[in-house]
Amino acid sequence: MRIIDFDELLHSEFQKLSTTFWSSNEIIDLTIDWLELNSTSRVLDIGSGVGKFCVLGSQISDASFTGVEIRKNLVAEAKRLANKLELDNCVFIHSDVRDFDFQEYDSFFYYNPFCEHIAIDEVIDNTIEFSRENHRKYEELMFEKLKTLSVGIKIITYCSSDFILPRNYHLIKTNGDSTLALWVIKNNDAI
């Protein structure tokens, strides 16, 4: 079963955030297509919010999807949806990415998860500390975590044109407006 309108399943407090903070169905479909997933693929959504990418991805692919999110209420909503839809290839973890191991994943979805730290007016809530310094620290942390991964690892970046990847990630393709990009590790020369 494919969900046509994910927003209808969300509690009302999350529906109003949808157009700003969750990916569109079209972006998710294109991402799943580009990743060329199979039943052994393990995908991590970094900053998964209410789980839209993982929930919809798990409905159109037999890959395993994991969402990691720092906000407990968003993880609870994502888990509720996955349980309601009886998805067995989709899990959500309440954690800060600083404490999360990326080594067991072969594909990543990165929808500018730390931009809210520098947002002026559009925020999910006030449960995180907003600052340019936090934004910079998280992006540096991501760079360090991503540079330790193996050849063949894929990452999709969405609305993340300012995010710098390690130099061993090579751009494979972008969508028409270059908001979506597929990167693959081609060698072990990360520095």
Protein backbone atom coordinates (compact mmCIF):
# COMPACT_ATOMS: atom_id res chain seq x y z
CA MET A 1 0.00 0.00 0.00
CA ARG A 2 1.32 3.42 -0.92
CA ILE A 3 0.28 6.45 1.14
CA ILE A 4 -1.03 9.23 -1.11
CA ASP A 5 -1.40 11.88 1.60
CA PHE A 6 1.01 11.37 4.49
CA ASP A 7 -0.23 14.55 6.18
CA GLU A 8 -3.67 13.06 6.79
CA LEU A 9 -2.08 10.50 9.10
CA LEU A 10 -0.23 13.07 11.18
CA HIS A 11 -1.55 14.59 14.38
CA SER A 12 -2.68 18.16 13.70
CA GLU A 13 0.28 19.83 15.45
CA PHE A 14 2.61 18.19 12.91
CA GLN A 15 0.42 18.71 9.84
CA LYS A 16 0.99 22.47 9.91
CA LEU A 17 4.78 21.92 9.75
CA SER A 18 4.68 19.58 6.78
CA THR A 19 5.39 21.86 3.83
CA THR A 20 8.43 23.38 5.55
CA PHE A 21 10.02 20.45 7.36
CA TRP A 22 9.13 17.14 5.66
CA SER A 23 10.16 16.07 2.15
CA SER A 24 7.62 15.89 -0.66
CA ASN A 25 6.45 12.53 -2.04
CA GLU A 26 8.20 13.35 -5.32
CA ILE A 27 11.57 13.93 -3.62
CA ILE A 28 11.20 10.71 -1.64
CA ASP A 29 10.32 8.71 -4.77
CA LEU A 30 13.30 10.16 -6.67
CA THR A 31 15.64 9.49 -3.73
CA ILE A 32 14.55 5.85 -3.46
CA ASP A 33 15.00 5.45 -7.23
CA TRP A 34 18.49 6.99 -7.21
CA LEU A 35 19.69 4.89 -4.26
CA GLU A 36 18.89 1.65 -6.16
CA LEU A 37 17.99 -0.13 -2.95
CA ASN A 38 17.48 -3.85 -2.41
CA SER A 39 16.52 -6.10 0.51
CA THR A 40 20.02 -5.88 2.05
CA SER A 41 20.22 -2.06 1.87
CA ARG A 42 20.27 -0.15 5.16
CA VAL A 43 19.21 3.49 4.91
CA LEU A 44 19.64 6.14 7.63
CA ASP A 45 17.56 9.32 7.63
CA ILE A 46 19.56 11.88 9.60
CA GLY A 47 17.14 14.10 11.52
CA SER A 48 14.08 12.09 10.52
CA GLY A 49 11.42 14.34 12.05
CA VAL A 50 8.03 12.61 12.00
CA GLY A 51 9.43 9.87 9.78
CA LYS A 52 7.97 10.72 6.39
CA PHE A 53 11.03 9.67 4.37
CA CYS A 54 11.36 6.33 6.18
CA VAL A 55 7.63 5.55 6.22
CA LEU A 56 7.09 6.26 2.53
CA GLY A 57 10.43 4.74 1.55
CA SER A 58 9.63 1.52 3.38
CA GLN A 59 6.39 1.25 1.43
CA ILE A 60 8.08 1.39 -1.97
CA SER A 61 11.28 -0.51 -1.14
CA ASP A 62 12.14 -3.65 0.79
CA ALA A 63 15.28 -1.98 2.20
CA SER A 64 15.60 -1.34 5.94
CA PHE A 65 14.99 2.27 6.97
CA THR A 66 16.12 3.88 10.22
CA GLY A 67 15.32 7.41 11.30
CA VAL A 68 17.38 9.13 13.97
CA GLU A 69 15.87 12.22 15.58
CA ILE A 70 16.77 14.29 18.65
CA ARG A 71 13.19 15.35 19.45
CA LYS A 72 11.34 12.71 21.45
CA ASN A 73 7.86 13.89 20.39
CA LEU A 74 8.76 13.58 16.69
CA VAL A 75 10.13 10.07 17.24
CA ALA A 76 6.91 9.14 19.06
CA GLU A 77 4.85 10.37 16.10
CA ALA A 78 7.04 8.49 13.61
CA LYS A 79 6.75 5.28 15.65
CA ARG A 80 2.99 5.71 15.87
CA LEU A 81 2.72 5.95 12.10
CA ALA A 82 5.02 2.99 11.45
CA ASN A 83 3.02 0.88 13.91
CA LYS A 84 -0.30 1.99 12.44
CA LEU A 85 0.88 0.98 8.97
CA GLU A 86 2.46 -2.24 10.27
CA LEU A 87 5.85 -1.47 8.70
CA ASP A 88 8.48 -4.02 9.67
CA ASN A 89 11.35 -2.46 7.68
CA CYS A 90 11.16 0.93 9.36
CA VAL A 91 12.45 1.92 12.83
CA PHE A 92 12.93 5.22 14.63
CA ILE A 93 15.51 6.01 17.27
CA HIS A 94 15.51 8.90 19.71
CA SER A 95 19.14 10.01 19.76
CA ASP A 96 21.48 12.88 19.05
CA VAL A 97 23.56 12.11 15.93
CA ARG A 98 26.64 12.89 18.03
CA ASP A 99 26.00 9.60 19.83
CA PHE A 100 24.90 7.57 16.82
CA ASP A 101 27.02 5.05 14.90
CA PHE A 102 26.79 5.37 11.10
CA GLN A 103 28.89 2.29 10.30
CA GLU A 104 26.04 -0.18 9.76
CA TYR A 105 24.36 1.89 7.02
CA ASP A 106 25.12 1.95 3.29
CA SER A 107 22.84 4.83 2.28
CA PHE A 108 21.99 8.14 3.93
CA PHE A 109 19.30 10.80 3.48
CA TYR A 110 20.40 14.29 4.55
CA TYR A 111 17.62 16.90 4.32
CA ASN A 112 19.49 19.83 5.86
CA PRO A 113 18.81 18.53 9.38
CA PHE A 114 20.64 21.29 11.24
CA CYS A 115 19.39 24.37 9.38
CA GLU A 116 16.85 25.05 12.08
CA HIS A 117 19.72 26.12 14.35
CA ILE A 118 20.13 29.20 12.15
CA ALA A 119 16.48 29.72 11.19
CA ILE A 120 15.02 33.16 11.70
CA ASP A 121 11.33 32.41 11.98
CA GLU A 122 10.44 28.86 10.88
CA VAL A 123 11.14 26.39 13.67
CA ILE A 124 9.49 23.19 14.82
CA ASP A 125 9.58 24.14 18.50
CA ASN A 126 11.93 25.68 21.05
CA THR A 127 13.40 22.46 22.46
CA ILE A 128 16.83 22.85 20.83
CA GLU A 129 19.41 25.56 21.30
CA PHE A 130 19.46 27.82 18.26
CA SER A 131 22.85 29.20 17.27
CA ARG A 132 25.26 29.46 14.37
CA GLU A 133 27.82 27.73 16.55
CA ASN A 134 25.57 24.67 17.02
CA HIS A 135 24.89 24.58 13.28
CA ARG A 136 28.62 24.68 12.54
CA LYS A 137 29.44 22.02 15.16
CA TYR A 138 26.81 19.60 13.83
CA GLU A 139 27.94 20.03 10.23
CA GLU A 140 31.57 19.49 11.26
CA LEU A 141 30.51 16.38 13.18
CA MET A 142 28.67 15.07 10.12
CA PHE A 143 31.75 15.68 7.97
CA GLU A 144 33.89 13.68 10.43
CA LYS A 145 31.39 10.80 10.63
CA LEU A 146 30.89 10.63 6.86
CA LYS A 147 34.60 10.61 6.05
CA THR A 148 35.07 7.35 8.00
CA LEU A 149 32.65 5.38 5.81
CA SER A 150 33.57 2.87 3.10
CA VAL A 151 33.82 3.01 -0.69
CA GLY A 152 30.38 2.63 -2.28
CA ILE A 153 28.44 4.41 0.46
CA LYS A 154 25.73 6.70 -0.96
CA ILE A 155 24.30 9.90 0.45
CA ILE A 156 21.43 11.95 -0.88
CA THR A 157 21.55 15.61 0.12
CA TYR A 158 18.39 17.70 -0.17
CA CYS A 159 18.29 21.48 0.21
CA SER A 160 21.82 21.23 1.56
CA SER A 161 23.94 23.03 -1.03
CA ASP A 162 26.12 24.65 1.66
CA PHE A 163 26.94 21.35 3.36
CA ILE A 164 30.49 20.27 2.53
CA LEU A 165 31.12 16.56 2.09
CA PRO A 166 34.54 14.92 2.40
CA ARG A 167 36.45 14.97 -0.88
CA ASN A 168 36.09 11.22 -1.46
CA TYR A 169 32.35 11.75 -2.11
CA HIS A 170 31.72 12.27 -5.80
CA LEU A 171 28.63 13.94 -7.21
CA ILE A 172 26.77 11.43 -9.41
CA LYS A 173 23.60 13.34 -10.30
CA THR A 174 21.29 16.19 -9.36
CA ASN A 175 17.67 17.00 -10.06
CA GLY A 176 16.60 19.88 -12.32
CA ASP A 177 17.04 22.67 -9.77
CA SER A 178 20.01 20.99 -8.03
CA THR A 179 18.25 20.84 -4.67
CA LEU A 180 18.61 17.05 -4.63
CA ALA A 181 22.01 15.43 -5.16
CA LEU A 182 23.36 11.88 -5.10
CA TRP A 183 26.94 11.43 -3.86
CA VAL A 184 28.97 8.20 -3.71
CA ILE A 185 32.28 7.41 -2.02
CA LYS A 186 34.66 6.51 -4.86
CA ASN A 187 37.92 6.14 -2.92
CA ASN A 188 39.35 6.19 0.59
CA ASP A 189 40.98 9.60 0.24
CA ALA A 190 38.67 11.54 2.58
CA ILE A 191 40.93 14.31 3.83
